[in-house]
N, C-alpha and C. Protein backbone atom coordinates (compact mmCIF):
# COMPACT_ATOMS: atom_id res chain seq x y z
N MET A 1 -74.84 33.51 103.86
CA MET A 1 -74.12 34.15 102.75
C MET A 1 -72.91 33.25 102.36
N LEU A 2 -72.21 32.71 103.23
CA LEU A 2 -71.07 31.83 102.93
C LEU A 2 -71.49 30.57 102.37
N LYS A 3 -72.67 30.08 102.77
CA LYS A 3 -73.21 28.89 102.15
C LYS A 3 -73.59 29.09 100.72
N LYS A 4 -74.13 30.23 100.38
CA LYS A 4 -74.50 30.47 98.94
C LYS A 4 -73.23 30.53 98.10
N ARG A 5 -72.13 31.13 98.59
CA ARG A 5 -70.94 31.23 97.85
C ARG A 5 -70.37 29.84 97.61
N GLU A 6 -70.36 28.92 98.60
CA GLU A 6 -69.88 27.57 98.48
C GLU A 6 -70.74 26.85 97.38
N GLU A 7 -72.10 27.01 97.33
CA GLU A 7 -72.89 26.36 96.36
C GLU A 7 -72.56 26.84 94.95
N THR A 8 -72.34 28.14 94.82
CA THR A 8 -72.02 28.70 93.50
C THR A 8 -70.70 28.16 93.00
N THR A 9 -69.67 28.07 93.94
CA THR A 9 -68.38 27.55 93.52
C THR A 9 -68.45 26.07 93.12
N ALA A 10 -69.23 25.30 93.78
CA ALA A 10 -69.36 23.95 93.45
C ALA A 10 -70.10 23.77 92.15
N ALA A 11 -71.03 24.66 91.85
CA ALA A 11 -71.80 24.53 90.62
C ALA A 11 -70.81 24.89 89.47
N LEU A 12 -69.89 25.83 89.59
CA LEU A 12 -68.95 26.17 88.56
C LEU A 12 -67.96 25.08 88.33
N MET A 13 -67.61 24.37 89.36
CA MET A 13 -66.59 23.31 89.22
C MET A 13 -67.18 22.04 88.73
N ARG A 14 -68.53 21.92 88.72
CA ARG A 14 -69.16 20.65 88.26
C ARG A 14 -69.07 20.52 86.70
N PRO A 15 -68.69 19.43 86.11
CA PRO A 15 -68.58 19.33 84.59
C PRO A 15 -69.95 19.53 84.00
N ALA A 16 -69.92 20.22 82.85
CA ALA A 16 -71.19 20.47 82.18
C ALA A 16 -71.78 19.25 81.55
N ARG A 17 -73.07 19.12 81.54
CA ARG A 17 -73.75 17.98 80.92
C ARG A 17 -73.80 18.16 79.44
N VAL A 18 -73.62 17.02 78.77
CA VAL A 18 -73.62 17.08 77.31
C VAL A 18 -74.88 16.30 76.90
N ARG A 19 -75.72 16.92 75.99
CA ARG A 19 -76.90 16.27 75.57
C ARG A 19 -76.57 15.22 74.55
N PRO A 20 -77.28 14.18 74.50
CA PRO A 20 -76.99 13.04 73.55
C PRO A 20 -77.06 13.58 72.11
N GLY A 21 -76.12 13.16 71.29
CA GLY A 21 -76.06 13.65 69.84
C GLY A 21 -75.40 14.99 69.61
N ARG A 22 -74.86 15.55 70.71
CA ARG A 22 -74.24 16.90 70.53
C ARG A 22 -72.74 16.78 71.04
N GLU A 23 -71.88 17.46 70.30
CA GLU A 23 -70.41 17.35 70.72
C GLU A 23 -70.21 18.45 71.83
N PRO A 24 -69.27 18.14 72.70
CA PRO A 24 -68.97 19.12 73.74
C PRO A 24 -68.37 20.34 73.17
N GLN A 25 -68.62 21.46 73.85
CA GLN A 25 -68.15 22.79 73.37
C GLN A 25 -66.69 22.98 73.85
N ARG A 26 -65.83 23.39 73.01
CA ARG A 26 -64.51 23.69 73.39
C ARG A 26 -64.40 25.04 74.06
N PRO A 27 -63.56 25.11 75.05
CA PRO A 27 -63.48 26.47 75.71
C PRO A 27 -62.89 27.51 74.73
N GLY A 28 -63.42 28.65 74.83
CA GLY A 28 -62.94 29.79 74.03
C GLY A 28 -63.47 29.83 72.58
N ARG A 29 -64.42 28.95 72.22
CA ARG A 29 -64.94 28.83 70.88
C ARG A 29 -66.48 29.11 70.89
N ASP A 30 -66.94 29.70 69.87
CA ASP A 30 -68.35 29.99 69.69
C ASP A 30 -69.08 28.63 69.52
N ARG A 31 -70.24 28.52 70.14
CA ARG A 31 -70.97 27.21 70.02
C ARG A 31 -71.37 26.96 68.58
N ARG A 32 -71.67 28.08 67.79
CA ARG A 32 -72.12 27.88 66.42
C ARG A 32 -70.98 27.66 65.43
N ALA A 33 -69.77 27.80 65.90
CA ALA A 33 -68.62 27.64 64.92
C ALA A 33 -68.37 26.16 64.73
N PRO A 34 -68.16 25.69 63.48
CA PRO A 34 -67.91 24.31 63.24
C PRO A 34 -66.50 23.91 63.61
N TRP A 35 -66.30 22.62 63.86
CA TRP A 35 -65.00 22.07 64.18
C TRP A 35 -64.09 22.27 62.96
N PRO A 36 -62.81 22.48 63.18
CA PRO A 36 -61.93 22.65 62.05
C PRO A 36 -61.78 21.37 61.30
N LEU A 37 -61.66 21.55 59.95
CA LEU A 37 -61.55 20.31 59.09
C LEU A 37 -60.14 19.67 59.34
N PRO A 38 -60.09 18.39 59.14
CA PRO A 38 -58.74 17.69 59.18
C PRO A 38 -57.79 18.32 58.06
N ARG A 39 -56.53 18.11 58.28
CA ARG A 39 -55.58 18.66 57.34
C ARG A 39 -55.78 18.15 55.90
N ALA A 40 -56.07 16.86 55.80
CA ALA A 40 -56.33 16.29 54.50
C ALA A 40 -57.53 16.95 53.81
N GLY A 41 -58.54 17.21 54.60
CA GLY A 41 -59.77 17.89 54.04
C GLY A 41 -59.50 19.31 53.54
N ARG A 42 -58.62 20.03 54.36
CA ARG A 42 -58.36 21.44 54.00
C ARG A 42 -57.50 21.42 52.67
N GLU A 43 -56.56 20.45 52.60
CA GLU A 43 -55.75 20.41 51.40
C GLU A 43 -56.49 20.04 50.15
N SER A 44 -57.46 19.10 50.29
CA SER A 44 -58.23 18.69 49.12
C SER A 44 -59.18 19.84 48.64
N ARG A 45 -59.63 20.58 49.57
CA ARG A 45 -60.33 21.84 49.24
C ARG A 45 -59.54 22.85 48.45
N ARG A 46 -58.30 23.01 48.94
CA ARG A 46 -57.43 23.98 48.39
C ARG A 46 -57.00 23.52 47.04
N HIS A 47 -56.76 22.21 46.78
CA HIS A 47 -56.36 21.73 45.48
C HIS A 47 -57.51 21.85 44.47
N SER A 48 -58.74 21.57 44.93
CA SER A 48 -59.90 21.67 44.05
C SER A 48 -60.11 23.07 43.61
N LYS A 49 -59.92 24.03 44.50
CA LYS A 49 -60.04 25.46 44.22
C LYS A 49 -59.00 25.89 43.17
N VAL A 50 -57.76 25.33 43.34
CA VAL A 50 -56.79 25.74 42.38
C VAL A 50 -57.01 25.13 41.02
N ARG A 51 -57.56 23.91 40.99
CA ARG A 51 -57.90 23.29 39.70
C ARG A 51 -59.02 24.00 38.97
N SER A 52 -59.95 24.55 39.71
CA SER A 52 -61.07 25.30 39.14
C SER A 52 -60.65 26.63 38.62
N THR A 53 -59.55 27.15 39.04
CA THR A 53 -59.12 28.48 38.49
C THR A 53 -58.05 28.36 37.55
N VAL A 54 -57.66 27.17 37.06
CA VAL A 54 -56.64 27.04 36.02
C VAL A 54 -57.20 27.47 34.68
N ARG A 55 -56.42 28.28 34.05
CA ARG A 55 -56.73 28.82 32.76
C ARG A 55 -55.81 28.32 31.66
N PRO A 56 -56.25 28.36 30.41
CA PRO A 56 -55.33 27.93 29.34
C PRO A 56 -54.02 28.75 29.26
N SER A 57 -52.89 28.12 29.09
CA SER A 57 -51.68 28.77 28.99
C SER A 57 -51.51 29.53 27.66
N ASN A 58 -50.50 30.42 27.58
CA ASN A 58 -50.29 31.14 26.38
C ASN A 58 -49.88 30.19 25.24
N THR A 59 -49.23 29.05 25.54
CA THR A 59 -48.92 28.07 24.56
C THR A 59 -50.18 27.46 23.91
N ASP A 60 -51.12 27.12 24.73
CA ASP A 60 -52.43 26.61 24.25
C ASP A 60 -53.17 27.55 23.37
N LYS A 61 -53.18 28.89 23.79
CA LYS A 61 -53.78 29.94 23.00
C LYS A 61 -53.11 30.11 21.68
N SER A 62 -51.77 30.02 21.67
CA SER A 62 -51.03 30.21 20.41
C SER A 62 -51.24 29.01 19.54
N SER A 63 -51.34 27.85 20.03
CA SER A 63 -51.60 26.66 19.20
C SER A 63 -52.94 26.69 18.52
N ALA A 64 -53.94 27.12 19.29
CA ALA A 64 -55.35 27.31 18.75
C ALA A 64 -55.37 28.40 17.70
N ALA A 65 -54.63 29.47 17.91
CA ALA A 65 -54.61 30.54 16.95
C ALA A 65 -53.96 30.11 15.64
N PHE A 66 -52.92 29.26 15.73
CA PHE A 66 -52.28 28.77 14.51
C PHE A 66 -53.19 27.80 13.79
N ALA A 67 -53.93 27.00 14.53
CA ALA A 67 -54.87 26.06 13.92
C ALA A 67 -55.96 26.80 13.08
N VAL A 68 -56.49 27.85 13.66
CA VAL A 68 -57.47 28.64 13.00
C VAL A 68 -56.83 29.36 11.76
N LEU A 69 -55.64 29.84 11.96
CA LEU A 69 -54.94 30.56 10.87
C LEU A 69 -54.72 29.58 9.68
N PHE A 70 -54.23 28.34 9.87
CA PHE A 70 -54.09 27.39 8.85
C PHE A 70 -55.37 27.00 8.09
N ALA A 71 -56.40 26.75 8.90
CA ALA A 71 -57.69 26.45 8.26
C ALA A 71 -58.26 27.56 7.46
N ARG A 72 -58.18 28.81 8.07
CA ARG A 72 -58.69 29.94 7.37
C ARG A 72 -57.95 30.23 6.05
N ALA A 73 -56.54 30.03 6.13
CA ALA A 73 -55.74 30.38 4.94
C ALA A 73 -56.07 29.31 3.85
N VAL A 74 -56.21 28.03 4.24
CA VAL A 74 -56.46 27.00 3.21
C VAL A 74 -57.83 27.21 2.53
N VAL A 75 -58.91 27.43 3.33
CA VAL A 75 -60.23 27.57 2.76
C VAL A 75 -60.28 28.86 1.92
N GLY A 76 -59.63 29.94 2.45
CA GLY A 76 -59.62 31.16 1.61
C GLY A 76 -58.86 31.03 0.32
N LEU A 77 -57.79 30.35 0.32
CA LEU A 77 -56.99 30.12 -0.94
C LEU A 77 -57.82 29.30 -1.90
N ILE A 78 -58.51 28.27 -1.44
CA ILE A 78 -59.32 27.41 -2.31
C ILE A 78 -60.30 28.26 -3.13
N PHE A 79 -61.11 29.07 -2.36
CA PHE A 79 -62.10 29.94 -3.03
C PHE A 79 -61.46 31.02 -3.87
N PHE A 80 -60.43 31.63 -3.29
CA PHE A 80 -59.84 32.77 -3.96
C PHE A 80 -59.25 32.42 -5.29
N MET A 81 -58.49 31.28 -5.37
CA MET A 81 -57.92 30.84 -6.60
C MET A 81 -58.96 30.44 -7.67
N ALA A 82 -60.09 29.83 -7.15
CA ALA A 82 -61.23 29.50 -8.05
C ALA A 82 -61.80 30.75 -8.54
N GLY A 83 -61.93 31.77 -7.75
CA GLY A 83 -62.48 33.04 -8.21
C GLY A 83 -61.61 33.74 -9.30
N VAL A 84 -60.30 33.72 -8.98
CA VAL A 84 -59.37 34.26 -9.94
C VAL A 84 -59.43 33.63 -11.30
N TRP A 85 -59.52 32.29 -11.29
CA TRP A 85 -59.51 31.57 -12.63
C TRP A 85 -60.91 31.93 -13.36
N LYS A 86 -61.95 31.88 -12.59
CA LYS A 86 -63.32 32.14 -13.16
C LYS A 86 -63.47 33.51 -13.65
N VAL A 87 -62.94 34.49 -13.02
CA VAL A 87 -63.03 35.93 -13.38
C VAL A 87 -62.11 36.31 -14.47
N PHE A 88 -60.80 35.99 -14.32
CA PHE A 88 -59.77 36.56 -15.25
C PHE A 88 -59.35 35.53 -16.32
N THR A 89 -59.62 34.28 -16.15
CA THR A 89 -59.15 33.28 -17.21
C THR A 89 -60.38 32.84 -17.92
N LEU A 90 -61.35 32.28 -17.31
CA LEU A 90 -62.52 31.77 -17.99
C LEU A 90 -63.48 32.90 -18.35
N GLY A 91 -63.72 33.80 -17.41
CA GLY A 91 -64.65 34.91 -17.63
C GLY A 91 -66.03 34.57 -17.09
N PRO A 92 -66.64 35.55 -16.41
CA PRO A 92 -67.92 35.26 -15.81
C PRO A 92 -69.08 34.82 -16.79
N ALA A 93 -69.09 35.44 -18.04
CA ALA A 93 -70.09 34.93 -18.97
C ALA A 93 -69.81 33.52 -19.47
N ALA A 94 -68.60 33.15 -19.63
CA ALA A 94 -68.27 31.78 -20.03
C ALA A 94 -68.56 30.90 -18.89
N HIS A 95 -68.43 31.36 -17.60
CA HIS A 95 -68.70 30.51 -16.52
C HIS A 95 -70.25 30.20 -16.45
N VAL A 96 -71.03 31.20 -16.82
CA VAL A 96 -72.50 30.94 -16.86
C VAL A 96 -72.81 29.97 -17.93
N ARG A 97 -72.24 30.12 -19.13
CA ARG A 97 -72.57 29.20 -20.24
C ARG A 97 -72.07 27.76 -19.93
N LYS A 98 -70.94 27.65 -19.26
CA LYS A 98 -70.37 26.32 -19.10
C LYS A 98 -71.05 25.50 -17.94
N TYR A 99 -71.31 26.24 -16.83
CA TYR A 99 -71.77 25.50 -15.67
C TYR A 99 -73.26 25.76 -15.31
N PHE A 100 -73.88 26.80 -15.83
CA PHE A 100 -75.27 27.12 -15.39
C PHE A 100 -76.30 26.91 -16.50
N LEU A 101 -75.97 27.28 -17.66
CA LEU A 101 -77.01 27.24 -18.73
C LEU A 101 -77.36 25.76 -19.08
N PRO A 102 -76.55 24.79 -18.75
CA PRO A 102 -77.10 23.42 -18.94
C PRO A 102 -78.31 23.12 -18.15
N PHE A 103 -78.59 23.93 -17.09
CA PHE A 103 -79.77 23.72 -16.27
C PHE A 103 -81.03 24.47 -16.72
N GLN A 104 -80.97 25.01 -17.92
CA GLN A 104 -82.06 25.88 -18.50
C GLN A 104 -83.28 25.01 -18.82
N ASP A 105 -83.04 23.69 -18.95
CA ASP A 105 -84.14 22.79 -19.30
C ASP A 105 -84.97 22.36 -17.99
N THR A 106 -84.40 22.82 -16.79
CA THR A 106 -85.15 22.55 -15.57
C THR A 106 -86.17 23.65 -15.28
N PHE A 107 -86.80 23.51 -14.05
CA PHE A 107 -87.71 24.57 -13.68
C PHE A 107 -87.15 25.83 -13.38
N LEU A 108 -85.85 25.99 -13.33
CA LEU A 108 -85.15 27.27 -12.94
C LEU A 108 -85.25 28.24 -14.10
N PRO A 109 -85.70 29.51 -13.81
CA PRO A 109 -85.63 30.54 -14.83
C PRO A 109 -84.25 30.78 -15.37
N VAL A 110 -84.18 31.10 -16.64
CA VAL A 110 -82.84 31.39 -17.32
C VAL A 110 -82.24 32.65 -16.64
N TRP A 111 -82.99 33.62 -16.25
CA TRP A 111 -82.39 34.85 -15.64
C TRP A 111 -81.75 34.52 -14.36
N SER A 112 -82.35 33.60 -13.61
CA SER A 112 -81.72 33.17 -12.33
C SER A 112 -80.36 32.47 -12.52
N LEU A 113 -80.33 31.69 -13.59
CA LEU A 113 -79.02 31.04 -13.94
C LEU A 113 -77.96 32.05 -14.30
N TRP A 114 -78.34 33.10 -15.08
CA TRP A 114 -77.39 34.19 -15.47
C TRP A 114 -76.93 34.92 -14.20
N LEU A 115 -77.91 35.27 -13.31
CA LEU A 115 -77.62 36.03 -12.19
C LEU A 115 -76.69 35.26 -11.22
N THR A 116 -77.02 34.09 -11.00
CA THR A 116 -76.22 33.26 -9.98
C THR A 116 -74.84 32.93 -10.55
N GLY A 117 -74.87 32.48 -11.85
CA GLY A 117 -73.56 32.07 -12.47
C GLY A 117 -72.59 33.20 -12.60
N PHE A 118 -73.16 34.45 -12.90
CA PHE A 118 -72.24 35.63 -13.07
C PHE A 118 -71.77 36.13 -11.74
N THR A 119 -72.53 35.95 -10.70
CA THR A 119 -72.19 36.56 -9.37
C THR A 119 -71.20 35.67 -8.58
N ILE A 120 -71.34 34.36 -8.69
CA ILE A 120 -70.56 33.48 -7.87
C ILE A 120 -69.08 33.67 -8.04
N PRO A 121 -68.53 33.80 -9.24
CA PRO A 121 -67.02 33.98 -9.34
C PRO A 121 -66.56 35.22 -8.58
N PHE A 122 -67.31 36.30 -8.56
CA PHE A 122 -66.86 37.51 -7.81
C PHE A 122 -66.95 37.27 -6.26
N ILE A 123 -68.01 36.51 -5.86
CA ILE A 123 -68.11 36.20 -4.41
C ILE A 123 -66.97 35.34 -3.96
N GLU A 124 -66.62 34.36 -4.78
CA GLU A 124 -65.45 33.51 -4.41
C GLU A 124 -64.12 34.32 -4.44
N LEU A 125 -63.96 35.23 -5.32
CA LEU A 125 -62.79 36.10 -5.44
C LEU A 125 -62.65 37.01 -4.17
N ILE A 126 -63.75 37.76 -3.92
CA ILE A 126 -63.63 38.79 -2.87
C ILE A 126 -63.77 38.09 -1.50
N ALA A 127 -64.68 37.20 -1.27
CA ALA A 127 -64.76 36.54 0.00
C ALA A 127 -63.59 35.66 0.33
N GLY A 128 -63.05 35.02 -0.69
CA GLY A 128 -61.82 34.25 -0.39
C GLY A 128 -60.65 35.13 -0.03
N ALA A 129 -60.47 36.25 -0.59
CA ALA A 129 -59.41 37.15 -0.19
C ALA A 129 -59.61 37.66 1.17
N LEU A 130 -60.88 37.99 1.56
CA LEU A 130 -61.21 38.49 3.01
C LEU A 130 -60.90 37.41 3.98
N VAL A 131 -61.19 36.14 3.62
CA VAL A 131 -60.90 35.09 4.58
C VAL A 131 -59.43 34.85 4.74
N ILE A 132 -58.61 35.00 3.65
CA ILE A 132 -57.21 34.84 3.81
C ILE A 132 -56.60 35.83 4.68
N ILE A 133 -56.93 37.14 4.58
CA ILE A 133 -56.34 38.16 5.44
C ILE A 133 -57.06 38.26 6.81
N GLY A 134 -58.21 37.64 6.94
CA GLY A 134 -58.90 37.66 8.20
C GLY A 134 -59.65 38.99 8.46
N LEU A 135 -60.29 39.54 7.44
CA LEU A 135 -60.96 40.75 7.52
C LEU A 135 -62.46 40.47 7.20
N LYS A 136 -63.39 40.83 8.18
CA LYS A 136 -64.76 40.54 8.02
C LYS A 136 -64.98 39.04 7.74
N THR A 137 -64.24 38.25 8.51
CA THR A 137 -64.19 36.82 8.31
C THR A 137 -65.50 36.11 8.39
N ARG A 138 -66.35 36.51 9.33
CA ARG A 138 -67.59 35.80 9.53
C ARG A 138 -68.54 36.09 8.31
N TYR A 139 -68.60 37.27 7.86
CA TYR A 139 -69.50 37.64 6.78
C TYR A 139 -69.00 36.88 5.50
N ALA A 140 -67.64 36.90 5.29
CA ALA A 140 -67.09 36.22 4.10
C ALA A 140 -67.38 34.76 4.10
N LEU A 141 -67.25 34.04 5.31
CA LEU A 141 -67.54 32.66 5.40
C LEU A 141 -69.01 32.31 5.13
N VAL A 142 -69.89 33.17 5.62
CA VAL A 142 -71.35 33.06 5.35
C VAL A 142 -71.58 33.10 3.85
N ALA A 143 -70.94 34.02 3.21
CA ALA A 143 -71.14 34.12 1.76
C ALA A 143 -70.61 32.83 1.05
N LEU A 144 -69.44 32.36 1.43
CA LEU A 144 -68.90 31.19 0.81
C LEU A 144 -69.73 29.97 1.16
N GLY A 145 -70.32 29.89 2.35
CA GLY A 145 -71.17 28.77 2.71
C GLY A 145 -72.41 28.79 1.84
N THR A 146 -72.86 30.00 1.51
CA THR A 146 -74.05 30.12 0.65
C THR A 146 -73.71 29.62 -0.80
N VAL A 147 -72.50 29.88 -1.19
CA VAL A 147 -72.05 29.40 -2.57
C VAL A 147 -72.05 27.88 -2.52
N LEU A 148 -71.63 27.24 -1.45
CA LEU A 148 -71.60 25.81 -1.30
C LEU A 148 -72.96 25.22 -1.38
N VAL A 149 -73.94 25.91 -0.72
CA VAL A 149 -75.31 25.41 -0.76
C VAL A 149 -75.87 25.46 -2.19
N ILE A 150 -75.58 26.51 -2.89
CA ILE A 150 -76.10 26.67 -4.32
C ILE A 150 -75.44 25.56 -5.18
N VAL A 151 -74.08 25.34 -5.00
CA VAL A 151 -73.43 24.31 -5.79
C VAL A 151 -74.05 22.91 -5.40
N THR A 152 -74.27 22.68 -4.18
CA THR A 152 -74.87 21.38 -3.79
C THR A 152 -76.24 21.19 -4.42
N PHE A 153 -77.04 22.21 -4.44
CA PHE A 153 -78.38 22.14 -5.03
C PHE A 153 -78.29 21.84 -6.48
N GLY A 154 -77.30 22.55 -7.20
CA GLY A 154 -77.13 22.27 -8.61
C GLY A 154 -76.71 20.85 -8.95
N HIS A 155 -75.69 20.42 -8.15
CA HIS A 155 -75.24 19.06 -8.46
C HIS A 155 -76.31 18.01 -8.16
N LEU A 156 -77.11 18.22 -7.13
CA LEU A 156 -78.19 17.25 -6.81
C LEU A 156 -79.29 17.29 -7.87
N LEU A 157 -79.50 18.54 -8.46
CA LEU A 157 -80.51 18.62 -9.53
C LEU A 157 -80.15 17.87 -10.80
N GLU A 158 -78.77 17.74 -10.99
CA GLU A 158 -78.33 17.08 -12.16
C GLU A 158 -78.17 15.55 -11.84
N ASN A 159 -77.56 15.24 -10.62
CA ASN A 159 -77.22 13.86 -10.26
C ASN A 159 -77.48 13.77 -8.77
N PRO A 160 -78.57 13.06 -8.40
CA PRO A 160 -78.87 12.96 -6.96
C PRO A 160 -77.86 12.20 -6.24
N LEU A 161 -76.97 11.39 -6.92
CA LEU A 161 -75.90 10.62 -6.19
C LEU A 161 -74.57 11.23 -6.54
N TYR A 162 -74.48 12.49 -6.63
CA TYR A 162 -73.21 13.15 -6.91
C TYR A 162 -72.22 12.96 -5.77
N PRO A 163 -70.98 12.58 -6.01
CA PRO A 163 -69.95 12.34 -5.00
C PRO A 163 -69.50 13.68 -4.33
N PHE A 164 -70.16 14.06 -3.32
CA PHE A 164 -69.73 15.29 -2.65
C PHE A 164 -68.48 15.29 -1.87
N HIS A 165 -67.97 14.11 -1.62
CA HIS A 165 -66.67 14.02 -0.81
C HIS A 165 -65.51 14.53 -1.66
N GLU A 166 -65.74 14.66 -2.95
CA GLU A 166 -64.59 15.10 -3.80
C GLU A 166 -64.44 16.67 -3.80
N HIS A 167 -65.59 17.33 -3.69
CA HIS A 167 -65.54 18.78 -3.90
C HIS A 167 -66.18 19.57 -2.81
N VAL A 168 -67.38 19.21 -2.37
CA VAL A 168 -68.19 20.05 -1.44
C VAL A 168 -67.71 19.83 0.01
N ILE A 169 -67.63 18.52 0.41
CA ILE A 169 -67.47 18.23 1.88
C ILE A 169 -66.19 18.85 2.39
N PRO A 170 -65.00 18.67 1.69
CA PRO A 170 -63.78 19.30 2.31
C PRO A 170 -63.89 20.75 2.53
N ARG A 171 -64.41 21.46 1.57
CA ARG A 171 -64.62 22.94 1.68
C ARG A 171 -65.64 23.29 2.84
N LEU A 172 -66.72 22.48 2.93
CA LEU A 172 -67.66 22.74 3.94
C LEU A 172 -67.13 22.52 5.34
N VAL A 173 -66.33 21.51 5.48
CA VAL A 173 -65.73 21.24 6.84
C VAL A 173 -64.92 22.38 7.36
N LEU A 174 -64.09 22.93 6.38
CA LEU A 174 -63.18 24.03 6.73
C LEU A 174 -64.05 25.30 7.09
N VAL A 175 -65.04 25.54 6.21
CA VAL A 175 -65.90 26.71 6.49
C VAL A 175 -66.62 26.59 7.89
N VAL A 176 -67.18 25.49 8.12
CA VAL A 176 -67.84 25.28 9.43
C VAL A 176 -66.89 25.35 10.55
N PHE A 177 -65.74 24.78 10.45
CA PHE A 177 -64.77 24.80 11.51
C PHE A 177 -64.38 26.23 11.94
N VAL A 178 -63.99 27.05 10.91
CA VAL A 178 -63.57 28.51 11.14
C VAL A 178 -64.74 29.20 11.72
N LEU A 179 -65.97 28.93 11.26
CA LEU A 179 -67.16 29.66 11.78
C LEU A 179 -67.43 29.29 13.20
N MET A 180 -67.22 28.05 13.59
CA MET A 180 -67.58 27.61 14.95
C MET A 180 -66.49 28.08 15.97
N VAL A 181 -65.30 28.37 15.57
CA VAL A 181 -64.24 28.79 16.50
C VAL A 181 -64.57 30.20 16.95
N PRO A 182 -64.45 30.49 18.28
CA PRO A 182 -64.73 31.88 18.77
C PRO A 182 -63.77 32.83 18.05
N ALA A 183 -64.31 34.02 17.80
CA ALA A 183 -63.52 35.07 17.14
C ALA A 183 -62.23 35.43 17.89
N GLU A 184 -62.28 35.33 19.22
CA GLU A 184 -61.10 35.70 20.06
C GLU A 184 -59.96 34.73 19.81
N ALA A 185 -60.23 33.50 19.35
CA ALA A 185 -59.19 32.48 19.16
C ALA A 185 -58.39 32.76 17.84
N ASP A 186 -58.95 33.56 16.93
CA ASP A 186 -58.30 33.89 15.67
C ASP A 186 -57.49 35.12 15.93
N ARG A 187 -56.32 34.94 16.49
CA ARG A 187 -55.50 36.07 16.90
C ARG A 187 -54.68 36.66 15.76
N TYR A 188 -54.36 35.87 14.78
CA TYR A 188 -53.42 36.28 13.64
C TYR A 188 -54.36 36.69 12.45
N SER A 189 -55.15 37.71 12.64
CA SER A 189 -56.00 38.20 11.53
C SER A 189 -56.17 39.68 11.68
N LEU A 190 -56.68 40.31 10.64
CA LEU A 190 -56.89 41.74 10.61
C LEU A 190 -58.07 42.12 11.57
N ASP A 191 -59.00 41.19 11.73
CA ASP A 191 -60.11 41.37 12.67
C ASP A 191 -59.58 41.51 14.10
N ALA A 192 -58.66 40.61 14.48
CA ALA A 192 -58.05 40.67 15.83
C ALA A 192 -57.25 41.94 15.98
N PHE A 193 -56.59 42.39 14.88
CA PHE A 193 -55.79 43.59 15.02
C PHE A 193 -56.67 44.83 15.26
N PHE A 194 -57.76 44.92 14.53
CA PHE A 194 -58.65 46.07 14.71
C PHE A 194 -59.37 46.00 16.05
N ARG A 195 -59.68 44.79 16.54
CA ARG A 195 -60.33 44.63 17.85
C ARG A 195 -59.39 45.20 18.97
N SER A 196 -58.07 44.80 18.86
CA SER A 196 -57.13 45.23 19.89
C SER A 196 -56.96 46.79 19.88
N ARG A 197 -56.91 47.33 18.63
CA ARG A 197 -56.84 48.80 18.59
C ARG A 197 -58.08 49.54 19.17
N GLN A 198 -59.20 48.96 18.91
CA GLN A 198 -60.40 49.52 19.42
C GLN A 198 -60.49 49.39 20.95
N HIS A 199 -60.03 48.29 21.48
CA HIS A 199 -59.87 48.07 22.94
C HIS A 199 -59.02 49.09 23.59
N VAL A 200 -57.90 49.36 22.91
CA VAL A 200 -56.96 50.33 23.50
C VAL A 200 -57.49 51.74 23.47
N SER A 201 -58.20 52.07 22.34
CA SER A 201 -58.72 53.39 22.25
C SER A 201 -59.95 53.69 23.21
N ASN A 202 -60.58 52.53 23.59
CA ASN A 202 -61.70 52.72 24.53
C ASN A 202 -61.30 52.90 26.00
N ARG A 203 -60.01 52.64 26.24
CA ARG A 203 -59.53 52.79 27.62
C ARG A 203 -59.51 54.23 28.10
């Protein structure tokens, strides 16, 4: 009996064998637990996690909102003032005679020239005003973009080498820019005001 106890004590005091390719187990640690990372590794992980959670500041959001506001106001004023002149100064009928009836010798029906030429001034007037105040902005910009497509087709029908950089391209750039910006970035508009009120009422 005493001999068995001595053998057991000797076995416990004998250093544990380590298999090749395996690290020795630290006392008091689970064999499956990984070794702690070095301090530099822990800090790099912490910094990368902080960088991934960085969000735009209020200053960045305000700058983006002002950029959208300026672009929206400029393109809205361009179309709105053109609509005011065509509706109240020139007149819709005179607008048709001056800018659309010259195309009656083409394949386009005369009724389509009257319909399009009479409608465009009102679209520019109403949609331009909506873009300025930021109400139903997306629908208004789509309407103004359609006007630009019609104007482009008319100019190309008359002159395939028409200089679009003077009239169409600047308006198209502003329309496309405001359309591509997320609606949440347009903070200074009636659309944003009504969205915030709806969000508060849904709480």
